[in-house]
Amino acid sequence: MAEKAAALREQMTLEELRKSRDLSQEEVAAALAVGQPAVAKLEKRADMRLSNLRRYVEALGGRLEITAHFGEESVVVDVGEEAV
């Protein structure tokens, strides 16, 4: 469990993140009400809409936040449903 928690703190691809949650593409697809090929395509995209990324993270059971760094200062930018 501690190993999984440490892994979640590191930079991960969407595929790595999904696998760290022990979920298949089919399970994520069902949660998103899309087909498995749509999940595979999303995981390979380098550029995507924030709303798609938010939905994907929520399908994994998480909540998406973006942190903006300005030198010594960091600000969390909430990209919840209301913000997208």
PDB file of N, CA and C in Angstrom:
ATOM      1  N   MET A   1       0.829  -1.194   0.000  1.00  0.00           N
ATOM      2  CA  MET A   1       0.000   0.000   0.000  1.00  0.00           C
ATOM      3  C   MET A   1       0.871   1.255   0.000  1.00  0.00           C
ATOM      4  N   ALA A   2       1.911   1.291   0.810  1.00  0.00           N
ATOM      5  CA  ALA A   2       2.802   2.447   0.858  1.00  0.00           C
ATOM      6  C   ALA A   2       3.492   2.647  -0.479  1.00  0.00           C
ATOM      7  N   GLU A   3       3.805   1.541  -1.154  1.00  0.00           N
ATOM      8  CA  GLU A   3       4.443   1.616  -2.470  1.00  0.00           C
ATOM      9  C   GLU A   3       3.508   2.287  -3.477  1.00  0.00           C
ATOM     10  N   LYS A   4       2.230   1.938  -3.444  1.00  0.00           N
ATOM     11  CA  LYS A   4       1.257   2.562  -4.334  1.00  0.00           C
ATOM     12  C   LYS A   4       1.121   4.047  -4.028  1.00  0.00           C
ATOM     13  N   ALA A   5       1.076   4.396  -2.759  1.00  0.00           N
ATOM     14  CA  ALA A   5       0.950   5.802  -2.375  1.00  0.00           C
ATOM     15  C   ALA A   5       2.151   6.601  -2.855  1.00  0.00           C
ATOM     16  N   ALA A   6       3.340   6.043  -2.720  1.00  0.00           N
ATOM     17  CA  ALA A   6       4.547   6.728  -3.185  1.00  0.00           C
ATOM     18  C   ALA A   6       4.518   6.881  -4.696  1.00  0.00           C
ATOM     19  N   ALA A   7       4.047   5.865  -5.393  1.00  0.00           N
ATOM     20  CA  ALA A   7       3.980   5.918  -6.852  1.00  0.00           C
ATOM     21  C   ALA A   7       3.007   6.995  -7.314  1.00  0.00           C
ATOM     22  N   LEU A   8       1.931   7.202  -6.577  1.00  0.00           N
ATOM     23  CA  LEU A   8       0.946   8.204  -6.961  1.00  0.00           C
ATOM     24  C   LEU A   8       1.471   9.624  -6.811  1.00  0.00           C
ATOM     25  N   ARG A   9       2.513   9.814  -6.036  1.00  0.00           N
ATOM     26  CA  ARG A   9       3.089  11.143  -5.854  1.00  0.00           C
ATOM     27  C   ARG A   9       4.044  11.514  -6.972  1.00  0.00           C
ATOM     28  N   GLU A  10       4.450  10.546  -7.759  1.00  0.00           N
ATOM     29  CA  GLU A  10       5.379  10.787  -8.845  1.00  0.00           C
ATOM     30  C   GLU A  10       4.621  11.138 -10.114  1.00  0.00           C
ATOM     31  N   GLN A  11       5.364  11.623 -11.096  1.00  0.00           N
ATOM     32  CA  GLN A  11       4.772  11.883 -12.403  1.00  0.00           C
ATOM     33  C   GLN A  11       4.423  10.556 -13.058  1.00  0.00           C
ATOM     34  N   MET A  12       3.222  10.469 -13.622  1.00  0.00           N
ATOM     35  CA  MET A  12       2.772   9.228 -14.253  1.00  0.00           C
ATOM     36  C   MET A  12       2.015   9.549 -15.530  1.00  0.00           C
ATOM     37  N   THR A  13       2.064   8.613 -16.469  1.00  0.00           N
ATOM     38  CA  THR A  13       1.186   8.710 -17.629  1.00  0.00           C
ATOM     39  C   THR A  13      -0.206   8.277 -17.192  1.00  0.00           C
ATOM     40  N   LEU A  14      -1.202   8.549 -18.021  1.00  0.00           N
ATOM     41  CA  LEU A  14      -2.557   8.110 -17.677  1.00  0.00           C
ATOM     42  C   LEU A  14      -2.631   6.594 -17.568  1.00  0.00           C
ATOM     43  N   GLU A  15      -1.940   5.903 -18.462  1.00  0.00           N
ATOM     44  CA  GLU A  15      -1.931   4.439 -18.405  1.00  0.00           C
ATOM     45  C   GLU A  15      -1.323   3.948 -17.093  1.00  0.00           C
ATOM     46  N   GLU A  16      -0.198   4.533 -16.689  1.00  0.00           N
ATOM     47  CA  GLU A  16       0.445   4.136 -15.427  1.00  0.00           C
ATOM     48  C   GLU A  16      -0.463   4.437 -14.241  1.00  0.00           C
ATOM     49  N   LEU A  17      -1.135   5.579 -14.293  1.00  0.00           N
ATOM     50  CA  LEU A  17      -2.053   5.947 -13.217  1.00  0.00           C
ATOM     51  C   LEU A  17      -3.195   4.943 -13.115  1.00  0.00           C
ATOM     52  N   ARG A  18      -3.777   4.583 -14.266  1.00  0.00           N
ATOM     53  CA  ARG A  18      -4.867   3.592 -14.276  1.00  0.00           C
ATOM     54  C   ARG A  18      -4.400   2.262 -13.706  1.00  0.00           C
ATOM     55  N   LYS A  19      -3.228   1.817 -14.152  1.00  0.00           N
ATOM     56  CA  LYS A  19      -2.705   0.531 -13.677  1.00  0.00           C
ATOM     57  C   LYS A  19      -2.392   0.571 -12.184  1.00  0.00           C
ATOM     58  N   SER A  20      -1.955   1.725 -11.679  1.00  0.00           N
ATOM     59  CA  SER A  20      -1.668   1.836 -10.241  1.00  0.00           C
ATOM     60  C   SER A  20      -2.935   1.710  -9.405  1.00  0.00           C
ATOM     61  N   ARG A  21      -4.077   1.974 -10.036  1.00  0.00           N
ATOM     62  CA  ARG A  21      -5.375   1.829  -9.366  1.00  0.00           C
ATOM     63  C   ARG A  21      -5.981   0.452  -9.613  1.00  0.00           C
ATOM     64  N   ASP A  22      -5.203  -0.440 -10.261  1.00  0.00           N
ATOM     65  CA  ASP A  22      -5.657  -1.804 -10.567  1.00  0.00           C
ATOM     66  C   ASP A  22      -6.954  -1.817 -11.376  1.00  0.00           C
ATOM     67  N   LEU A  23      -7.028  -0.937 -12.372  1.00  0.00           N
ATOM     68  CA  LEU A  23      -8.200  -0.874 -13.237  1.00  0.00           C
ATOM     69  C   LEU A  23      -7.806  -1.200 -14.669  1.00  0.00           C
ATOM     70  N   SER A  24      -8.702  -1.855 -15.379  1.00  0.00           N
ATOM     71  CA  SER A  24      -8.485  -2.143 -16.796  1.00  0.00           C
ATOM     72  C   SER A  24      -9.071  -1.008 -17.631  1.00  0.00           C
ATOM     73  N   GLN A  25      -8.674  -0.953 -18.893  1.00  0.00           N
ATOM     74  CA  GLN A  25      -9.272   0.029 -19.793  1.00  0.00           C
ATOM     75  C   GLN A  25     -10.774  -0.204 -19.913  1.00  0.00           C
ATOM     76  N   GLU A  26     -11.189  -1.455 -19.885  1.00  0.00           N
ATOM     77  CA  GLU A  26     -12.607  -1.781 -19.981  1.00  0.00           C
ATOM     78  C   GLU A  26     -13.386  -1.224 -18.788  1.00  0.00           C
ATOM     79  N   GLU A  27     -12.813  -1.323 -17.590  1.00  0.00           N
ATOM     80  CA  GLU A  27     -13.482  -0.805 -16.393  1.00  0.00           C
ATOM     81  C   GLU A  27     -13.599   0.714 -16.447  1.00  0.00           C
ATOM     82  N   VAL A  28     -12.540   1.376 -16.891  1.00  0.00           N
ATOM     83  CA  VAL A  28     -12.577   2.837 -17.013  1.00  0.00           C
ATOM     84  C   VAL A  28     -13.585   3.229 -18.089  1.00  0.00           C
ATOM     85  N   ALA A  29     -13.591   2.507 -19.194  1.00  0.00           N
ATOM     86  CA  ALA A  29     -14.542   2.784 -20.272  1.00  0.00           C
ATOM     87  C   ALA A  29     -15.983   2.683 -19.767  1.00  0.00           C
ATOM     88  N   ALA A  30     -16.269   1.662 -18.969  1.00  0.00           N
ATOM     89  CA  ALA A  30     -17.618   1.500 -18.416  1.00  0.00           C
ATOM     90  C   ALA A  30     -17.984   2.683 -17.524  1.00  0.00           C
ATOM     91  N   ALA A  31     -17.041   3.143 -16.709  1.00  0.00           N
ATOM     92  CA  ALA A  31     -17.293   4.281 -15.822  1.00  0.00           C
ATOM     93  C   ALA A  31     -17.523   5.566 -16.616  1.00  0.00           C
ATOM     94  N   LEU A  32     -16.880   5.669 -17.777  1.00  0.00           N
ATOM     95  CA  LEU A  32     -17.020   6.860 -18.618  1.00  0.00           C
ATOM     96  C   LEU A  32     -18.149   6.732 -19.640  1.00  0.00           C
ATOM     97  N   ALA A  33     -18.757   5.550 -19.716  1.00  0.00           N
ATOM     98  CA  ALA A  33     -19.812   5.270 -20.702  1.00  0.00           C
ATOM     99  C   ALA A  33     -19.304   5.454 -22.129  1.00  0.00           C
ATOM    100  N   VAL A  34     -18.090   4.935 -22.377  1.00  0.00           N
ATOM    101  CA  VAL A  34     -17.484   4.944 -23.713  1.00  0.00           C
ATOM    102  C   VAL A  34     -16.931   3.554 -23.979  1.00  0.00           C
ATOM    103  N   GLY A  35     -16.453   3.325 -25.179  1.00  0.00           N
ATOM    104  CA  GLY A  35     -15.832   2.053 -25.504  1.00  0.00           C
ATOM    105  C   GLY A  35     -14.372   2.016 -25.083  1.00  0.00           C
ATOM    106  N   GLN A  36     -13.829   0.809 -24.950  1.00  0.00           N
ATOM    107  CA  GLN A  36     -12.426   0.635 -24.574  1.00  0.00           C
ATOM    108  C   GLN A  36     -11.478   1.337 -25.540  1.00  0.00           C
ATOM    109  N   PRO A  37     -11.743   1.331 -26.867  1.00  0.00           N
ATOM    110  CA  PRO A  37     -10.832   2.044 -27.773  1.00  0.00           C
ATOM    111  C   PRO A  37     -10.732   3.545 -27.476  1.00  0.00           C
ATOM    112  N   ALA A  38     -11.815   4.147 -26.971  1.00  0.00           N
ATOM    113  CA  ALA A  38     -11.777   5.570 -26.618  1.00  0.00           C
ATOM    114  C   ALA A  38     -10.834   5.814 -25.447  1.00  0.00           C
ATOM    115  N   VAL A  39     -10.804   4.891 -24.493  1.00  0.00           N
ATOM    116  CA  VAL A  39      -9.889   5.015 -23.353  1.00  0.00           C
ATOM    117  C   VAL A  39      -8.449   4.849 -23.827  1.00  0.00           C
ATOM    118  N   ALA A  40      -8.202   3.874 -24.690  1.00  0.00           N
ATOM    119  CA  ALA A  40      -6.855   3.664 -25.229  1.00  0.00           C
ATOM    120  C   ALA A  40      -6.373   4.910 -25.959  1.00  0.00           C
ATOM    121  N   LYS A  41      -7.250   5.524 -26.740  1.00  0.00           N
ATOM    122  CA  LYS A  41      -6.895   6.741 -27.483  1.00  0.00           C
ATOM    123  C   LYS A  41      -6.596   7.892 -26.525  1.00  0.00           C
ATOM    124  N   LEU A  42      -7.422   8.045 -25.503  1.00  0.00           N
ATOM    125  CA  LEU A  42      -7.226   9.107 -24.518  1.00  0.00           C
ATOM    126  C   LEU A  42      -5.885   8.952 -23.803  1.00  0.00           C
ATOM    127  N   GLU A  43      -5.530   7.716 -23.452  1.00  0.00           N
ATOM    128  CA  GLU A  43      -4.274   7.469 -22.738  1.00  0.00           C
ATOM    129  C   GLU A  43      -3.046   7.794 -23.586  1.00  0.00           C
ATOM    130  N   LYS A  44      -3.192   7.796 -24.897  1.00  0.00           N
ATOM    131  CA  LYS A  44      -2.056   8.061 -25.778  1.00  0.00           C
ATOM    132  C   LYS A  44      -1.955   9.526 -26.207  1.00  0.00           C
ATOM    133  N   ARG A  45      -2.979  10.313 -25.930  1.00  0.00           N
ATOM    134  CA  ARG A  45      -2.985  11.719 -26.351  1.00  0.00           C
ATOM    135  C   ARG A  45      -1.995  12.536 -25.537  1.00  0.00           C
ATOM    136  N   ALA A  46      -1.257  13.393 -26.227  1.00  0.00           N
ATOM    137  CA  ALA A  46      -0.331  14.296 -25.546  1.00  0.00           C
ATOM    138  C   ALA A  46      -1.032  15.601 -25.175  1.00  0.00           C
ATOM    139  N   ASP A  47      -2.100  15.926 -25.887  1.00  0.00           N
ATOM    140  CA  ASP A  47      -2.818  17.181 -25.664  1.00  0.00           C
ATOM    141  C   ASP A  47      -4.307  16.862 -25.625  1.00  0.00           C
ATOM    142  N   MET A  48      -4.971  17.241 -24.538  1.00  0.00           N
ATOM    143  CA  MET A  48      -6.393  16.929 -24.411  1.00  0.00           C
ATOM    144  C   MET A  48      -7.105  18.040 -23.669  1.00  0.00           C
ATOM    145  N   ARG A  49      -8.415  18.011 -23.745  1.00  0.00           N
ATOM    146  CA  ARG A  49      -9.224  18.985 -23.019  1.00  0.00           C
ATOM    147  C   ARG A  49      -9.179  18.661 -21.528  1.00  0.00           C
ATOM    148  N   LEU A  50      -9.191  19.709 -20.718  1.00  0.00           N
ATOM    149  CA  LEU A  50      -9.204  19.510 -19.266  1.00  0.00           C
ATOM    150  C   LEU A  50     -10.440  18.731 -18.829  1.00  0.00           C
ATOM    151  N   SER A  51     -11.561  18.960 -19.474  1.00  0.00           N
ATOM    152  CA  SER A  51     -12.783  18.244 -19.091  1.00  0.00           C
ATOM    153  C   SER A  51     -12.625  16.739 -19.298  1.00  0.00           C
ATOM    154  N   ASN A  52     -11.943  16.327 -20.367  1.00  0.00           N
ATOM    155  CA  ASN A  52     -11.709  14.899 -20.594  1.00  0.00           C
ATOM    156  C   ASN A  52     -10.758  14.327 -19.552  1.00  0.00           C
ATOM    157  N   LEU A  53      -9.720  15.075 -19.226  1.00  0.00           N
ATOM    158  CA  LEU A  53      -8.773  14.627 -18.206  1.00  0.00           C
ATOM    159  C   LEU A  53      -9.459  14.527 -16.848  1.00  0.00           C
ATOM    160  N   ARG A  54     -10.296  15.516 -16.525  1.00  0.00           N
ATOM    161  CA  ARG A  54     -11.021  15.497 -15.247  1.00  0.00           C
ATOM    162  C   ARG A  54     -11.931  14.274 -15.163  1.00  0.00           C
ATOM    163  N   ARG A  55     -12.684  13.998 -16.221  1.00  0.00           N
ATOM    164  CA  ARG A  55     -13.578  12.836 -16.234  1.00  0.00           C
ATOM    165  C   ARG A  55     -12.790  11.539 -16.081  1.00  0.00           C
ATOM    166  N   TYR A  56     -11.643  11.441 -16.751  1.00  0.00           N
ATOM    167  CA  TYR A  56     -10.807  10.239 -16.666  1.00  0.00           C
ATOM    168  C   TYR A  56     -10.339  10.033 -15.225  1.00  0.00           C
ATOM    169  N   VAL A  57      -9.816  11.085 -14.607  1.00  0.00           N
ATOM    170  CA  VAL A  57      -9.327  10.988 -13.221  1.00  0.00           C
ATOM    171  C   VAL A  57     -10.472  10.630 -12.277  1.00  0.00           C
ATOM    172  N   GLU A  58     -11.632  11.227 -12.481  1.00  0.00           N
ATOM    173  CA  GLU A  58     -12.785  10.898 -11.642  1.00  0.00           C
ATOM    174  C   GLU A  58     -13.221   9.449 -11.832  1.00  0.00           C
ATOM    175  N   ALA A  59     -13.093   8.921 -13.054  1.00  0.00           N
ATOM    176  CA  ALA A  59     -13.425   7.513 -13.306  1.00  0.00           C
ATOM    177  C   ALA A  59     -12.490   6.585 -12.548  1.00  0.00           C
ATOM    178  N   LEU A  60     -11.284   7.069 -12.242  1.00  0.00           N
ATOM    179  CA  LEU A  60     -10.333   6.286 -11.452  1.00  0.00           C
ATOM    180  C   LEU A  60     -10.573   6.454  -9.953  1.00  0.00           C
ATOM    181  N   GLY A  61     -11.510   7.333  -9.594  1.00  0.00           N
ATOM    182  CA  GLY A  61     -11.819   7.563  -8.189  1.00  0.00           C
ATOM    183  C   GLY A  61     -11.109   8.760  -7.601  1.00  0.00           C
ATOM    184  N   GLY A  62     -10.485   9.570  -8.451  1.00  0.00           N
ATOM    185  CA  GLY A  62      -9.725  10.724  -7.974  1.00  0.00           C
ATOM    186  C   GLY A  62     -10.411  12.044  -8.262  1.00  0.00           C
ATOM    187  N   ARG A  63      -9.711  13.115  -7.959  1.00  0.00           N
ATOM    188  CA  ARG A  63     -10.167  14.484  -8.202  1.00  0.00           C
ATOM    189  C   ARG A  63      -8.991  15.237  -8.802  1.00  0.00           C
ATOM    190  N   LEU A  64      -9.196  15.871  -9.942  1.00  0.00           N
ATOM    191  CA  LEU A  64      -8.123  16.553 -10.651  1.00  0.00           C
ATOM    192  C   LEU A  64      -7.892  17.947 -10.099  1.00  0.00           C
ATOM    193  N   GLU A  65      -6.631  18.265  -9.833  1.00  0.00           N
ATOM    194  CA  GLU A  65      -6.202  19.614  -9.483  1.00  0.00           C
ATOM    195  C   GLU A  65      -4.945  19.913 -10.285  1.00  0.00           C
ATOM    196  N   ILE A  66      -4.795  21.168 -10.644  1.00  0.00           N
ATOM    197  CA  ILE A  66      -3.583  21.610 -11.330  1.00  0.00           C
ATOM    198  C   ILE A  66      -2.898  22.613 -10.426  1.00  0.00           C
ATOM    199  N   THR A  67      -1.591  22.480 -10.283  1.00  0.00           N
ATOM    200  CA  THR A  67      -0.818  23.402  -9.463  1.00  0.00           C
ATOM    201  C   THR A  67       0.017  24.292 -10.363  1.00  0.00           C
ATOM    202  N   ALA A  68      -0.147  25.597 -10.200  1.00  0.00           N
ATOM    203  CA  ALA A  68       0.661  26.575 -10.927  1.00  0.00           C
ATOM    204  C   ALA A  68       1.782  27.031  -9.998  1.00  0.00           C
ATOM    205  N   HIS A  69       3.016  27.006 -10.495  1.00  0.00           N
ATOM    206  CA  HIS A  69       4.178  27.386  -9.691  1.00  0.00           C
ATOM    207  C   HIS A  69       4.721  28.724 -10.176  1.00  0.00           C
ATOM    208  N   PHE A  70       4.923  29.648  -9.245  1.00  0.00           N
ATOM    209  CA  PHE A  70       5.463  30.974  -9.525  1.00  0.00           C
ATOM    210  C   PHE A  70       6.635  31.208  -8.582  1.00  0.00           C
ATOM    211  N   GLY A  71       7.809  30.739  -8.979  1.00  0.00           N
ATOM    212  CA  GLY A  71       8.972  30.860  -8.102  1.00  0.00           C
ATOM    213  C   GLY A  71       8.742  30.115  -6.804  1.00  0.00           C
ATOM    214  N   GLU A  72       8.705  30.843  -5.701  1.00  0.00           N
ATOM    215  CA  GLU A  72       8.515  30.251  -4.368  1.00  0.00           C
ATOM    216  C   GLU A  72       7.043  29.962  -4.060  1.00  0.00           C
ATOM    217  N   GLU A  73       6.152  30.524  -4.837  1.00  0.00           N
ATOM    218  CA  GLU A  73       4.718  30.395  -4.563  1.00  0.00           C
ATOM    219  C   GLU A  73       4.073  29.346  -5.467  1.00  0.00           C
ATOM    220  N   SER A  74       3.192  28.551  -4.887  1.00  0.00           N
ATOM    221  CA  SER A  74       2.411  27.572  -5.640  1.00  0.00           C
ATOM    222  C   SER A  74       0.934  27.801  -5.353  1.00  0.00           C
ATOM    223  N   VAL A  75       0.134  27.718  -6.394  1.00  0.00           N
ATOM    224  CA  VAL A  75      -1.304  27.914  -6.265  1.00  0.00           C
ATOM    225  C   VAL A  75      -2.007  26.732  -6.917  1.00  0.00           C
ATOM    226  N   VAL A  76      -2.933  26.103  -6.188  1.00  0.00           N
ATOM    227  CA  VAL A  76      -3.717  25.007  -6.744  1.00  0.00           C
ATOM    228  C   VAL A  76      -4.884  25.616  -7.510  1.00  0.00           C
ATOM    229  N   VAL A  77      -4.986  25.252  -8.779  1.00  0.00           N
ATOM    230  CA  VAL A  77      -6.080  25.705  -9.634  1.00  0.00           C
ATOM    231  C   VAL A  77      -7.086  24.567  -9.696  1.00  0.00           C
ATOM    232  N   ASP A  78      -8.257  24.765  -9.114  1.00  0.00           N
ATOM    233  CA  ASP A  78      -9.275  23.715  -9.089  1.00  0.00           C
ATOM    234  C   ASP A  78      -9.896  23.592 -10.471  1.00  0.00           C
ATOM    235  N   VAL A  79      -9.889  22.390 -11.003  1.00  0.00           N
ATOM    236  CA  VAL A  79     -10.500  22.128 -12.307  1.00  0.00           C
ATOM    237  C   VAL A  79     -11.655  21.150 -12.136  1.00  0.00           C
ATOM    238  N   GLY A  80     -12.395  21.343 -11.066  1.00  0.00           N
ATOM    239  CA  GLY A  80     -13.571  20.520 -10.823  1.00  0.00           C
ATOM    240  C   GLY A  80     -14.634  20.807 -11.863  1.00  0.00           C
ATOM    241  N   GLU A  81     -15.746  20.125 -11.771  1.00  0.00           N
ATOM    242  CA  GLU A  81     -16.813  20.215 -12.772  1.00  0.00           C
ATOM    243  C   GLU A  81     -17.268  21.651 -13.006  1.00  0.00           C
ATOM    244  N   GLU A  82     -17.369  22.443 -11.955  1.00  0.00           N
ATOM    245  CA  GLU A  82     -17.836  23.819 -12.093  1.00  0.00           C
ATOM    246  C   GLU A  82     -16.841  24.680 -12.860  1.00  0.00           C
ATOM    247  N   ALA A  83     -15.544  24.360 -12.743  1.00  0.00           N
ATOM    248  CA  ALA A  83     -14.502  25.195 -13.340  1.00  0.00           C
ATOM    249  C   ALA A  83     -14.262  24.885 -14.806  1.00  0.00           C
ATOM    250  N   VAL A  84     -14.706  23.726 -15.280  1.00  0.00           N
ATOM    251  CA  VAL A  84     -14.402  23.323 -16.661  1.00  0.00           C
ATOM    252  C   VAL A  84     -15.548  23.650 -17.576  1.00  0.00           C
TER     253      VAL A  84
END
